[in-house]
């Protein structure tokens, strides 16, 4: 199994390149899936995916030796799956129906990153030979690996374990009725949030603590897998205007975290040779403009290649398409250039 993680800022065509990579793997005979954790859901538009389906097989014409699958990160559905898969049967329904659960799943900051790692773990266990991950378009995309590790450390802390595992005992003995005079920790929270909300939160966490601990273990395992160069490769997508700057930033960001860099794709390059000269007029001015842009694009590719050929194994330029990427036909063209 191989995992390919794509990074890049907004507007560089990262989602299209990720989908084309997964398509190329399917054509090569692999069961391949592209997962987007980009909230903008550009993958749905590119592959004409149906609403309400987490994973779906994309029919290929002509048929391929392998299979192309696509998945959109649904935070709530991923968390629901984790509860059903790893929760005790006696408590799973109580967790899913708990009033605090919906708030955590839908509104808690960082859930997008936490569930991205959980989703990768779920997909690893489903027999895909290649998983291509399309991260959010940001220089902060690596947070989807850092936040789960922070959560793992938090869940493993003694204080969290104490609260999660002692609340049922405290509530069952009636000590909660004594309020702040008896239990200072709970009382302080009650004075800020209100007793009812605090008790709902603690009751929920007493149910959810085993799920959280299980998630922490899986997150550590998955992040370790993403750091394994025999399994995972990180690739950066950029454009000629951003090539040198993005190469420097992502090379430093990945190297400092010891993540392997496999490729840099300079996308949307105007590389075609200009046609014959036109006489004076609009056509001539347009051709001169094209030539100037082409020269700057080619120079940018040459510069980034000269600077990083020793650090990045593959630096590839991908041509600008004549129209927006929409459907498999456009992805086939990108795949041939990868």
C-alpha atoms as a PDB file:
ATOM      1  CA  UNK A   1       0.000   0.000   0.000  1.00  0.00           C
ATOM      2  CA  UNK A   2       1.122   3.528  -0.810  1.00  0.00           C
ATOM      3  CA  UNK A   3      -0.147   6.866   0.489  1.00  0.00           C
ATOM      4  CA  UNK A   4       0.465  10.106  -1.425  1.00  0.00           C
ATOM      5  CA  UNK A   5      -0.265  13.407   0.345  1.00  0.00           C
ATOM      6  CA  UNK A   6      -0.631  16.552  -1.760  1.00  0.00           C
ATOM      7  CA  UNK A   7       0.101  19.998  -0.320  1.00  0.00           C
ATOM      8  CA  UNK A   8      -0.314  23.429  -1.854  1.00  0.00           C
ATOM      9  CA  UNK A   9      -1.821  26.865  -1.486  1.00  0.00           C
ATOM     10  CA  UNK A  10      -5.121  27.945  -3.008  1.00  0.00           C
ATOM     11  CA  UNK A  11      -5.679  28.182  -6.751  1.00  0.00           C
ATOM     12  CA  UNK A  12      -2.783  25.973  -7.883  1.00  0.00           C
ATOM     13  CA  UNK A  13      -4.853  22.998  -9.105  1.00  0.00           C
ATOM     14  CA  UNK A  14      -3.887  20.662  -6.260  1.00  0.00           C
ATOM     15  CA  UNK A  15      -7.224  18.825  -6.186  1.00  0.00           C
ATOM     16  CA  UNK A  16      -7.077  18.177  -9.935  1.00  0.00           C
ATOM     17  CA  UNK A  17      -3.518  16.845  -9.727  1.00  0.00           C
ATOM     18  CA  UNK A  18      -4.445  14.611  -6.780  1.00  0.00           C
ATOM     19  CA  UNK A  19      -7.453  13.199  -8.635  1.00  0.00           C
ATOM     20  CA  UNK A  20      -5.352  12.678 -11.783  1.00  0.00           C
ATOM     21  CA  UNK A  21      -2.758  10.805  -9.707  1.00  0.00           C
ATOM     22  CA  UNK A  22      -5.401   8.450  -8.369  1.00  0.00           C
ATOM     23  CA  UNK A  23      -6.751   7.976 -11.905  1.00  0.00           C
ATOM     24  CA  UNK A  24      -3.263   7.108 -13.171  1.00  0.00           C
ATOM     25  CA  UNK A  25      -2.923   4.480 -10.434  1.00  0.00           C
ATOM     26  CA  UNK A  26      -6.285   2.978 -11.417  1.00  0.00           C
ATOM     27  CA  UNK A  27      -5.147   2.828 -15.037  1.00  0.00           C
ATOM     28  CA  UNK A  28      -2.005   1.047 -13.824  1.00  0.00           C
ATOM     29  CA  UNK A  29      -4.128  -1.687 -12.260  1.00  0.00           C
ATOM     30  CA  UNK A  30      -4.409  -0.564  -8.631  1.00  0.00           C
ATOM     31  CA  UNK A  31      -7.440  -0.116  -6.417  1.00  0.00           C
ATOM     32  CA  UNK A  32      -6.943   3.601  -5.845  1.00  0.00           C
ATOM     33  CA  UNK A  33      -8.845   6.191  -3.818  1.00  0.00           C
ATOM     34  CA  UNK A  34      -8.540   9.961  -3.691  1.00  0.00           C
ATOM     35  CA  UNK A  35      -9.639  11.541  -0.416  1.00  0.00           C
ATOM     36  CA  UNK A  36     -10.143  15.282  -0.152  1.00  0.00           C
ATOM     37  CA  UNK A  37     -10.086  16.972   3.227  1.00  0.00           C
ATOM     38  CA  UNK A  38     -10.551  20.332   1.514  1.00  0.00           C
ATOM     39  CA  UNK A  39     -13.762  21.925   2.859  1.00  0.00           C
ATOM     40  CA  UNK A  40     -14.400  23.509  -0.564  1.00  0.00           C
ATOM     41  CA  UNK A  41     -15.204  20.037  -1.994  1.00  0.00           C
ATOM     42  CA  UNK A  42     -13.757  20.742  -5.435  1.00  0.00           C
ATOM     43  CA  UNK A  43     -13.413  17.004  -5.978  1.00  0.00           C
ATOM     44  CA  UNK A  44     -17.185  16.625  -6.054  1.00  0.00           C
ATOM     45  CA  UNK A  45     -17.376  19.022  -8.990  1.00  0.00           C
ATOM     46  CA  UNK A  46     -14.422  17.544 -10.868  1.00  0.00           C
ATOM     47  CA  UNK A  47     -15.658  13.936 -10.718  1.00  0.00           C
ATOM     48  CA  UNK A  48     -19.405  14.711 -10.684  1.00  0.00           C
ATOM     49  CA  UNK A  49     -19.861  12.871  -7.397  1.00  0.00           C
ATOM     50  CA  UNK A  50     -23.272  12.196  -5.892  1.00  0.00           C
ATOM     51  CA  UNK A  51     -24.343  13.944  -2.726  1.00  0.00           C
ATOM     52  CA  UNK A  52     -24.646  11.983   0.497  1.00  0.00           C
ATOM     53  CA  UNK A  53     -22.197   9.186  -0.422  1.00  0.00           C
ATOM     54  CA  UNK A  54     -18.943   9.064   1.512  1.00  0.00           C
ATOM     55  CA  UNK A  55     -17.062   6.724  -0.808  1.00  0.00           C
ATOM     56  CA  UNK A  56     -18.024   6.015  -4.357  1.00  0.00           C
ATOM     57  CA  UNK A  57     -16.499   4.180  -7.259  1.00  0.00           C
ATOM     58  CA  UNK A  58     -15.984   6.342 -10.337  1.00  0.00           C
ATOM     59  CA  UNK A  59     -16.859   4.500 -13.577  1.00  0.00           C
ATOM     60  CA  UNK A  60     -14.065   4.727 -16.153  1.00  0.00           C
ATOM     61  CA  UNK A  61     -14.485   4.716 -19.929  1.00  0.00           C
ATOM     62  CA  UNK A  62     -12.629   2.859 -21.270  1.00  0.00           C
ATOM     63  CA  UNK A  63     -12.564   0.524 -18.250  1.00  0.00           C
ATOM     64  CA  UNK A  64      -9.294   0.326 -16.320  1.00  0.00           C
ATOM     65  CA  UNK A  65      -7.380  -2.635 -14.934  1.00  0.00           C
ATOM     66  CA  UNK A  66      -7.835  -1.181 -11.462  1.00  0.00           C
ATOM     67  CA  UNK A  67     -10.524   0.858  -9.725  1.00  0.00           C
ATOM     68  CA  UNK A  68     -10.895   4.582  -9.104  1.00  0.00           C
ATOM     69  CA  UNK A  69     -12.673   5.590  -5.918  1.00  0.00           C
ATOM     70  CA  UNK A  70     -13.305   9.017  -4.452  1.00  0.00           C
ATOM     71  CA  UNK A  71     -14.104  10.060  -0.900  1.00  0.00           C
ATOM     72  CA  UNK A  72     -15.088  13.370   0.646  1.00  0.00           C
ATOM     73  CA  UNK A  73     -14.239  14.015   4.290  1.00  0.00           C
ATOM     74  CA  UNK A  74     -17.484  14.237   6.246  1.00  0.00           C
ATOM     75  CA  UNK A  75     -16.522  15.056   9.825  1.00  0.00           C
ATOM     76  CA  UNK A  76     -19.794  13.948  11.408  1.00  0.00           C
ATOM     77  CA  UNK A  77     -20.047  10.702   9.437  1.00  0.00           C
ATOM     78  CA  UNK A  78     -16.412   9.827  10.170  1.00  0.00           C
ATOM     79  CA  UNK A  79     -16.907  10.378  13.890  1.00  0.00           C
ATOM     80  CA  UNK A  80     -20.148   8.357  13.781  1.00  0.00           C
ATOM     81  CA  UNK A  81     -18.232   5.490  12.163  1.00  0.00           C
ATOM     82  CA  UNK A  82     -15.564   5.646  14.861  1.00  0.00           C
ATOM     83  CA  UNK A  83     -18.200   5.478  17.610  1.00  0.00           C
ATOM     84  CA  UNK A  84     -19.908   2.473  15.992  1.00  0.00           C
ATOM     85  CA  UNK A  85     -16.652   0.686  15.193  1.00  0.00           C
ATOM     86  CA  UNK A  86     -14.829   1.202  18.469  1.00  0.00           C
ATOM     87  CA  UNK A  87     -17.463   2.047  21.075  1.00  0.00           C
ATOM     88  CA  UNK A  88     -19.095  -0.467  23.364  1.00  0.00           C
ATOM     89  CA  UNK A  89     -22.435  -1.629  22.029  1.00  0.00           C
ATOM     90  CA  UNK A  90     -24.059  -0.642  25.315  1.00  0.00           C
ATOM     91  CA  UNK A  91     -22.936   2.995  25.057  1.00  0.00           C
ATOM     92  CA  UNK A  92     -22.683   3.722  21.289  1.00  0.00           C
ATOM     93  CA  UNK A  93     -26.339   4.745  20.930  1.00  0.00           C
ATOM     94  CA  UNK A  94     -26.166   6.890  24.074  1.00  0.00           C
ATOM     95  CA  UNK A  95     -23.128   8.696  22.685  1.00  0.00           C
ATOM     96  CA  UNK A  96     -24.690   9.306  19.268  1.00  0.00           C
ATOM     97  CA  UNK A  97     -27.878  10.659  20.825  1.00  0.00           C
ATOM     98  CA  UNK A  98     -26.219  12.706  23.568  1.00  0.00           C
ATOM     99  CA  UNK A  99     -26.924  16.485  23.344  1.00  0.00           C
ATOM    100  CA  UNK A 100     -23.206  17.288  23.645  1.00  0.00           C
ATOM    101  CA  UNK A 101     -22.255  14.973  20.777  1.00  0.00           C
ATOM    102  CA  UNK A 102     -23.734  17.062  17.977  1.00  0.00           C
ATOM    103  CA  UNK A 103     -21.960  20.161  19.253  1.00  0.00           C
ATOM    104  CA  UNK A 104     -18.602  18.409  19.329  1.00  0.00           C
ATOM    105  CA  UNK A 105     -19.031  16.823  15.906  1.00  0.00           C
ATOM    106  CA  UNK A 106     -20.297  19.924  14.134  1.00  0.00           C
ATOM    107  CA  UNK A 107     -18.692  22.873  15.895  1.00  0.00           C
ATOM    108  CA  UNK A 108     -15.562  21.946  17.828  1.00  0.00           C
ATOM    109  CA  UNK A 109     -12.465  23.648  16.431  1.00  0.00           C
ATOM    110  CA  UNK A 110      -9.956  21.207  14.987  1.00  0.00           C
ATOM    111  CA  UNK A 111     -12.418  18.403  14.208  1.00  0.00           C
ATOM    112  CA  UNK A 112     -11.614  18.652  10.479  1.00  0.00           C
ATOM    113  CA  UNK A 113      -7.980  17.747  11.170  1.00  0.00           C
ATOM    114  CA  UNK A 114      -8.754  15.128  13.810  1.00  0.00           C
ATOM    115  CA  UNK A 115     -11.213  13.308  11.578  1.00  0.00           C
ATOM    116  CA  UNK A 116      -8.912  13.485   8.537  1.00  0.00           C
ATOM    117  CA  UNK A 117      -6.440  11.193  10.288  1.00  0.00           C
ATOM    118  CA  UNK A 118      -9.286   8.968  11.515  1.00  0.00           C
ATOM    119  CA  UNK A 119     -10.625   8.722   7.957  1.00  0.00           C
ATOM    120  CA  UNK A 120      -7.219   7.703   6.605  1.00  0.00           C
ATOM    121  CA  UNK A 121      -7.061   4.971   9.252  1.00  0.00           C
ATOM    122  CA  UNK A 122     -10.505   3.721   8.220  1.00  0.00           C
ATOM    123  CA  UNK A 123      -9.520   3.651   4.537  1.00  0.00           C
ATOM    124  CA  UNK A 124      -6.225   1.866   5.223  1.00  0.00           C
ATOM    125  CA  UNK A 125      -8.231  -1.033   6.611  1.00  0.00           C
ATOM    126  CA  UNK A 126     -10.466  -1.317   3.531  1.00  0.00           C
ATOM    127  CA  UNK A 127      -8.020  -2.755   1.048  1.00  0.00           C
ATOM    128  CA  UNK A 128      -7.022   0.230  -1.069  1.00  0.00           C
ATOM    129  CA  UNK A 129      -3.626  -0.179  -2.707  1.00  0.00           C
ATOM    130  CA  UNK A 130      -3.133   3.570  -3.195  1.00  0.00           C
ATOM    131  CA  UNK A 131      -4.627   6.386  -1.129  1.00  0.00           C
ATOM    132  CA  UNK A 132      -4.147   9.912  -2.460  1.00  0.00           C
ATOM    133  CA  UNK A 133      -4.886  12.668   0.067  1.00  0.00           C
ATOM    134  CA  UNK A 134      -5.867  16.148  -1.113  1.00  0.00           C
ATOM    135  CA  UNK A 135      -5.250  18.485   1.828  1.00  0.00           C
ATOM    136  CA  UNK A 136      -6.826  21.875   2.422  1.00  0.00           C
ATOM    137  CA  UNK A 137      -5.339  24.668   0.263  1.00  0.00           C
ATOM    138  CA  UNK A 138      -3.153  26.327   2.857  1.00  0.00           C
ATOM    139  CA  UNK A 139       0.380  26.632   4.119  1.00  0.00           C
ATOM    140  CA  UNK A 140      -1.061  25.297   7.372  1.00  0.00           C
ATOM    141  CA  UNK A 141      -2.157  22.010   5.785  1.00  0.00           C
ATOM    142  CA  UNK A 142       0.252  20.041   7.965  1.00  0.00           C
ATOM    143  CA  UNK A 143      -1.941  20.851  10.964  1.00  0.00           C
ATOM    144  CA  UNK A 144      -3.983  17.802  10.016  1.00  0.00           C
ATOM    145  CA  UNK A 145      -1.011  15.784  11.320  1.00  0.00           C
ATOM    146  CA  UNK A 146      -0.093  17.986  14.282  1.00  0.00           C
ATOM    147  CA  UNK A 147      -3.492  18.452  15.943  1.00  0.00           C
ATOM    148  CA  UNK A 148      -4.174  14.704  16.279  1.00  0.00           C
ATOM    149  CA  UNK A 149      -0.845  14.257  18.056  1.00  0.00           C
ATOM    150  CA  UNK A 150      -1.670  17.127  20.423  1.00  0.00           C
ATOM    151  CA  UNK A 151      -5.058  15.496  21.092  1.00  0.00           C
ATOM    152  CA  UNK A 152      -3.309  12.191  21.826  1.00  0.00           C
ATOM    153  CA  UNK A 153      -1.102  13.880  24.401  1.00  0.00           C
ATOM    154  CA  UNK A 154      -4.131  15.579  25.956  1.00  0.00           C
ATOM    155  CA  UNK A 155      -6.128  12.356  26.206  1.00  0.00           C
ATOM    156  CA  UNK A 156      -3.162  10.639  27.802  1.00  0.00           C
ATOM    157  CA  UNK A 157      -2.838  13.261  30.532  1.00  0.00           C
ATOM    158  CA  UNK A 158      -3.598  12.224  34.088  1.00  0.00           C
ATOM    159  CA  UNK A 159      -6.121  15.028  34.667  1.00  0.00           C
ATOM    160  CA  UNK A 160      -8.277  14.087  31.684  1.00  0.00           C
ATOM    161  CA  UNK A 161      -8.261  10.416  32.645  1.00  0.00           C
ATOM    162  CA  UNK A 162      -9.213  11.338  36.220  1.00  0.00           C
ATOM    163  CA  UNK A 163     -12.192  13.450  35.159  1.00  0.00           C
ATOM    164  CA  UNK A 164     -13.371  10.967  32.559  1.00  0.00           C
ATOM    165  CA  UNK A 165     -13.159   7.922  34.794  1.00  0.00           C
ATOM    166  CA  UNK A 166     -14.320   9.353  38.131  1.00  0.00           C
ATOM    167  CA  UNK A 167     -17.413  11.328  37.123  1.00  0.00           C
ATOM    168  CA  UNK A 168     -19.761   8.331  37.186  1.00  0.00           C
ATOM    169  CA  UNK A 169     -18.603   7.479  40.701  1.00  0.00           C
ATOM    170  CA  UNK A 170     -18.941  11.071  41.878  1.00  0.00           C
ATOM    171  CA  UNK A 171     -22.389  11.492  40.361  1.00  0.00           C
ATOM    172  CA  UNK A 172     -23.544   8.095  41.612  1.00  0.00           C
ATOM    173  CA  UNK A 173     -22.640   8.760  45.228  1.00  0.00           C
ATOM    174  CA  UNK A 174     -24.615  11.986  45.338  1.00  0.00           C
ATOM    175  CA  UNK A 175     -21.583  14.131  45.973  1.00  0.00           C
ATOM    176  CA  UNK A 176     -22.536  16.383  43.061  1.00  0.00           C
ATOM    177  CA  UNK A 177     -25.521  17.658  45.058  1.00  0.00           C
ATOM    178  CA  UNK A 178     -23.117  19.255  47.534  1.00  0.00           C
ATOM    179  CA  UNK A 179     -21.825  21.600  44.806  1.00  0.00           C
ATOM    180  CA  UNK A 180     -18.812  23.825  45.194  1.00  0.00           C
ATOM    181  CA  UNK A 181     -18.261  23.229  48.909  1.00  0.00           C
ATOM    182  CA  UNK A 182     -17.317  19.594  48.270  1.00  0.00           C
ATOM    183  CA  UNK A 183     -15.846  19.382  44.780  1.00  0.00           C
ATOM    184  CA  UNK A 184     -13.967  22.550  43.987  1.00  0.00           C
ATOM    185  CA  UNK A 185     -12.971  21.509  40.464  1.00  0.00           C
ATOM    186  CA  UNK A 186     -16.524  20.818  39.315  1.00  0.00           C
ATOM    187  CA  UNK A 187     -17.869  23.795  41.234  1.00  0.00           C
ATOM    188  CA  UNK A 188     -15.651  26.292  39.466  1.00  0.00           C
ATOM    189  CA  UNK A 189     -16.822  25.006  36.108  1.00  0.00           C
ATOM    190  CA  UNK A 190     -20.447  25.120  37.247  1.00  0.00           C
ATOM    191  CA  UNK A 191     -20.129  28.746  38.320  1.00  0.00           C
ATOM    192  CA  UNK A 192     -18.959  29.682  34.818  1.00  0.00           C
ATOM    193  CA  UNK A 193     -21.031  27.397  32.581  1.00  0.00           C
ATOM    194  CA  UNK A 194     -23.973  26.409  34.745  1.00  0.00           C
ATOM    195  CA  UNK A 195     -24.457  23.146  36.588  1.00  0.00           C
ATOM    196  CA  UNK A 196     -26.642  21.485  33.961  1.00  0.00           C
ATOM    197  CA  UNK A 197     -24.204  22.042  31.098  1.00  0.00           C
ATOM    198  CA  UNK A 198     -21.195  20.941  33.143  1.00  0.00           C
ATOM    199  CA  UNK A 199     -22.938  17.738  34.163  1.00  0.00           C
ATOM    200  CA  UNK A 200     -23.952  17.043  30.567  1.00  0.00           C
ATOM    201  CA  UNK A 201     -20.357  17.532  29.426  1.00  0.00           C
ATOM    202  CA  UNK A 202     -18.938  15.306  32.144  1.00  0.00           C
ATOM    203  CA  UNK A 203     -21.601  12.671  31.607  1.00  0.00           C
ATOM    204  CA  UNK A 204     -20.826  12.648  27.886  1.00  0.00           C
ATOM    205  CA  UNK A 205     -17.098  12.436  28.464  1.00  0.00           C
ATOM    206  CA  UNK A 206     -17.511   9.529  30.881  1.00  0.00           C
ATOM    207  CA  UNK A 207     -19.161   7.688  27.981  1.00  0.00           C
ATOM    208  CA  UNK A 208     -16.807   8.987  25.308  1.00  0.00           C
ATOM    209  CA  UNK A 209     -13.480   8.541  27.091  1.00  0.00           C
ATOM    210  CA  UNK A 210     -12.862   5.048  25.700  1.00  0.00           C
ATOM    211  CA  UNK A 211     -13.549   6.336  22.162  1.00  0.00           C
ATOM    212  CA  UNK A 212     -11.130   9.230  22.707  1.00  0.00           C
ATOM    213  CA  UNK A 213      -8.407   6.934  24.024  1.00  0.00           C
ATOM    214  CA  UNK A 214      -8.896   4.559  21.105  1.00  0.00           C
ATOM    215  CA  UNK A 215      -8.706   7.472  18.684  1.00  0.00           C
ATOM    216  CA  UNK A 216      -5.462   8.644  20.287  1.00  0.00           C
ATOM    217  CA  UNK A 217      -3.863   5.234  19.741  1.00  0.00           C
ATOM    218  CA  UNK A 218      -5.019   5.054  16.117  1.00  0.00           C
ATOM    219  CA  UNK A 219      -3.870   8.623  15.443  1.00  0.00           C
ATOM    220  CA  UNK A 220      -0.372   7.839  16.674  1.00  0.00           C
ATOM    221  CA  UNK A 221      -0.269   4.733  14.474  1.00  0.00           C
ATOM    222  CA  UNK A 222      -1.542   6.601  11.404  1.00  0.00           C
ATOM    223  CA  UNK A 223       0.835   9.550  11.800  1.00  0.00           C
ATOM    224  CA  UNK A 224       3.709   7.071  12.155  1.00  0.00           C
ATOM    225  CA  UNK A 225       2.552   5.496   8.874  1.00  0.00           C
ATOM    226  CA  UNK A 226       2.548   8.919   7.222  1.00  0.00           C
ATOM    227  CA  UNK A 227       6.142   9.432   8.362  1.00  0.00           C
ATOM    228  CA  UNK A 228       7.275   6.089   6.917  1.00  0.00           C
ATOM    229  CA  UNK A 229       9.046   6.761   3.584  1.00  0.00           C
ATOM    230  CA  UNK A 230       8.412   3.190   2.443  1.00  0.00           C
ATOM    231  CA  UNK A 231       4.663   3.872   2.547  1.00  0.00           C
ATOM    232  CA  UNK A 232       4.063   7.629   2.263  1.00  0.00           C
ATOM    233  CA  UNK A 233       5.230  10.319  -0.129  1.00  0.00           C
ATOM    234  CA  UNK A 234       4.457  14.032   0.169  1.00  0.00           C
ATOM    235  CA  UNK A 235       4.071  16.051  -3.016  1.00  0.00           C
ATOM    236  CA  UNK A 236       3.740  19.801  -3.479  1.00  0.00           C
ATOM    237  CA  UNK A 237       1.690  21.516  -6.201  1.00  0.00           C
ATOM    238  CA  UNK A 238       2.419  25.111  -7.111  1.00  0.00           C
ATOM    239  CA  UNK A 239       2.297  27.515 -10.068  1.00  0.00           C
ATOM    240  CA  UNK A 240       5.129  29.331 -11.851  1.00  0.00           C
ATOM    241  CA  UNK A 241       4.430  32.572  -9.974  1.00  0.00           C
ATOM    242  CA  UNK A 242       4.708  30.793  -6.604  1.00  0.00           C
ATOM    243  CA  UNK A 243       7.186  28.034  -7.473  1.00  0.00           C
ATOM    244  CA  UNK A 244      10.357  29.199  -5.712  1.00  0.00           C
ATOM    245  CA  UNK A 245       8.532  30.571  -2.663  1.00  0.00           C
ATOM    246  CA  UNK A 246       6.329  27.469  -2.206  1.00  0.00           C
ATOM    247  CA  UNK A 247       9.219  25.071  -2.784  1.00  0.00           C
ATOM    248  CA  UNK A 248      11.239  26.777  -0.066  1.00  0.00           C
ATOM    249  CA  UNK A 249       8.370  26.909   2.425  1.00  0.00           C
ATOM    250  CA  UNK A 250       7.124  23.345   2.026  1.00  0.00           C
ATOM    251  CA  UNK A 251      10.615  21.878   1.761  1.00  0.00           C
ATOM    252  CA  UNK A 252      11.532  23.452   5.104  1.00  0.00           C
ATOM    253  CA  UNK A 253       8.175  22.576   6.697  1.00  0.00           C
ATOM    254  CA  UNK A 254       8.336  18.930   5.664  1.00  0.00           C
ATOM    255  CA  UNK A 255      12.043  18.458   6.346  1.00  0.00           C
ATOM    256  CA  UNK A 256      11.748  19.889   9.863  1.00  0.00           C
ATOM    257  CA  UNK A 257       9.004  17.342  10.589  1.00  0.00           C
ATOM    258  CA  UNK A 258      10.889  14.506   8.873  1.00  0.00           C
ATOM    259  CA  UNK A 259       8.223  13.873   6.270  1.00  0.00           C
ATOM    260  CA  UNK A 260       9.526  12.551   2.933  1.00  0.00           C
ATOM    261  CA  UNK A 261       9.147  14.819  -0.136  1.00  0.00           C
ATOM    262  CA  UNK A 262       8.679  12.940  -3.378  1.00  0.00           C
ATOM    263  CA  UNK A 263       7.781  15.527  -5.997  1.00  0.00           C
ATOM    264  CA  UNK A 264       7.131  19.151  -6.838  1.00  0.00           C
ATOM    265  CA  UNK A 265       4.619  19.826  -9.606  1.00  0.00           C
ATOM    266  CA  UNK A 266       4.694  23.268 -11.189  1.00  0.00           C
ATOM    267  CA  UNK A 267       1.176  23.403 -12.597  1.00  0.00           C
ATOM    268  CA  UNK A 268      -0.515  25.656 -15.166  1.00  0.00           C
ATOM    269  CA  UNK A 269       2.680  26.370 -17.097  1.00  0.00           C
ATOM    270  CA  UNK A 270       2.379  28.179 -20.431  1.00  0.00           C
ATOM    271  CA  UNK A 271       4.978  26.115 -22.214  1.00  0.00           C
ATOM    272  CA  UNK A 272       3.741  25.784 -25.783  1.00  0.00           C
ATOM    273  CA  UNK A 273       5.962  27.249 -28.460  1.00  0.00           C
ATOM    274  CA  UNK A 274       4.358  30.350 -29.995  1.00  0.00           C
ATOM    275  CA  UNK A 275       3.027  30.108 -33.524  1.00  0.00           C
ATOM    276  CA  UNK A 276       4.011  32.200 -36.537  1.00  0.00           C
ATOM    277  CA  UNK A 277       4.298  35.964 -36.294  1.00  0.00           C
ATOM    278  CA  UNK A 278       1.207  38.046 -36.918  1.00  0.00           C
ATOM    279  CA  UNK A 279       1.118  41.435 -38.627  1.00  0.00           C
ATOM    280  CA  UNK A 280       0.584  44.528 -36.510  1.00  0.00           C
ATOM    281  CA  UNK A 281      -2.726  44.642 -34.661  1.00  0.00           C
ATOM    282  CA  UNK A 282      -4.577  42.925 -31.841  1.00  0.00           C
ATOM    283  CA  UNK A 283      -3.409  39.411 -32.721  1.00  0.00           C
ATOM    284  CA  UNK A 284       0.219  40.555 -32.661  1.00  0.00           C
ATOM    285  CA  UNK A 285      -0.191  42.216 -29.254  1.00  0.00           C
ATOM    286  CA  UNK A 286      -1.856  39.102 -27.843  1.00  0.00           C
ATOM    287  CA  UNK A 287       0.959  36.913 -29.188  1.00  0.00           C
ATOM    288  CA  UNK A 288       3.600  39.217 -27.705  1.00  0.00           C
ATOM    289  CA  UNK A 289       1.817  39.049 -24.347  1.00  0.00           C
ATOM    290  CA  UNK A 290       1.726  35.261 -24.514  1.00  0.00           C
ATOM    291  CA  UNK A 291       5.437  35.129 -25.308  1.00  0.00           C
ATOM    292  CA  UNK A 292       6.316  37.307 -22.309  1.00  0.00           C
ATOM    293  CA  UNK A 293       4.246  35.188 -19.935  1.00  0.00           C
ATOM    294  CA  UNK A 294       5.709  31.985 -21.373  1.00  0.00           C
ATOM    295  CA  UNK A 295       9.254  33.275 -20.874  1.00  0.00           C
ATOM    296  CA  UNK A 296       8.523  34.057 -17.195  1.00  0.00           C
ATOM    297  CA  UNK A 297       6.943  30.610 -16.649  1.00  0.00           C
ATOM    298  CA  UNK A 298       9.841  28.736 -18.239  1.00  0.00           C
ATOM    299  CA  UNK A 299      12.332  30.804 -16.241  1.00  0.00           C
ATOM    300  CA  UNK A 300      10.488  30.026 -12.983  1.00  0.00           C
ATOM    301  CA  UNK A 301      10.563  26.277 -13.695  1.00  0.00           C
ATOM    302  CA  UNK A 302      14.257  26.422 -14.529  1.00  0.00           C
ATOM    303  CA  UNK A 303      15.037  28.384 -11.360  1.00  0.00           C
ATOM    304  CA  UNK A 304      13.168  26.097  -8.978  1.00  0.00           C
ATOM    305  CA  UNK A 305      14.684  23.049 -10.680  1.00  0.00           C
ATOM    306  CA  UNK A 306      18.210  24.413 -10.314  1.00  0.00           C
ATOM    307  CA  UNK A 307      17.669  25.233  -6.636  1.00  0.00           C
ATOM    308  CA  UNK A 308      15.967  22.028  -5.495  1.00  0.00           C
ATOM    309  CA  UNK A 309      16.995  19.239  -7.866  1.00  0.00           C
ATOM    310  CA  UNK A 310      19.237  17.809  -5.121  1.00  0.00           C
ATOM    311  CA  UNK A 311      16.533  17.882  -2.407  1.00  0.00           C
ATOM    312  CA  UNK A 312      13.388  16.961  -4.346  1.00  0.00           C
ATOM    313  CA  UNK A 313      13.551  13.768  -6.440  1.00  0.00           C
ATOM    314  CA  UNK A 314      11.082  14.855  -9.135  1.00  0.00           C
ATOM    315  CA  UNK A 315      10.300  18.383 -10.346  1.00  0.00           C
ATOM    316  CA  UNK A 316       7.733  18.320 -13.148  1.00  0.00           C
ATOM    317  CA  UNK A 317       5.958  21.088 -15.051  1.00  0.00           C
ATOM    318  CA  UNK A 318       2.325  20.536 -16.013  1.00  0.00           C
ATOM    319  CA  UNK A 319       0.807  22.582 -18.863  1.00  0.00           C
ATOM    320  CA  UNK A 320      -2.137  24.912 -18.479  1.00  0.00           C
ATOM    321  CA  UNK A 321      -5.276  23.374 -19.978  1.00  0.00           C
ATOM    322  CA  UNK A 322      -7.478  25.319 -22.375  1.00  0.00           C
ATOM    323  CA  UNK A 323     -10.448  25.176 -20.008  1.00  0.00           C
ATOM    324  CA  UNK A 324     -11.349  24.413 -16.401  1.00  0.00           C
ATOM    325  CA  UNK A 325     -10.767  20.857 -15.210  1.00  0.00           C
ATOM    326  CA  UNK A 326     -14.168  19.184 -15.372  1.00  0.00           C
ATOM    327  CA  UNK A 327     -14.629  15.454 -15.729  1.00  0.00           C
ATOM    328  CA  UNK A 328     -12.399  12.500 -16.462  1.00  0.00           C
ATOM    329  CA  UNK A 329     -11.265  13.730 -19.859  1.00  0.00           C
ATOM    330  CA  UNK A 330      -9.350  16.627 -18.357  1.00  0.00           C
ATOM    331  CA  UNK A 331      -7.951  14.416 -15.595  1.00  0.00           C
ATOM    332  CA  UNK A 332      -6.715  11.918 -18.200  1.00  0.00           C
ATOM    333  CA  UNK A 333      -4.696  14.702 -19.823  1.00  0.00           C
ATOM    334  CA  UNK A 334      -3.159  15.719 -16.504  1.00  0.00           C
ATOM    335  CA  UNK A 335      -2.411  12.079 -15.633  1.00  0.00           C
ATOM    336  CA  UNK A 336      -0.404  11.599 -18.830  1.00  0.00           C
ATOM    337  CA  UNK A 337       1.868  14.507 -17.852  1.00  0.00           C
ATOM    338  CA  UNK A 338       2.502  13.463 -14.243  1.00  0.00           C
END
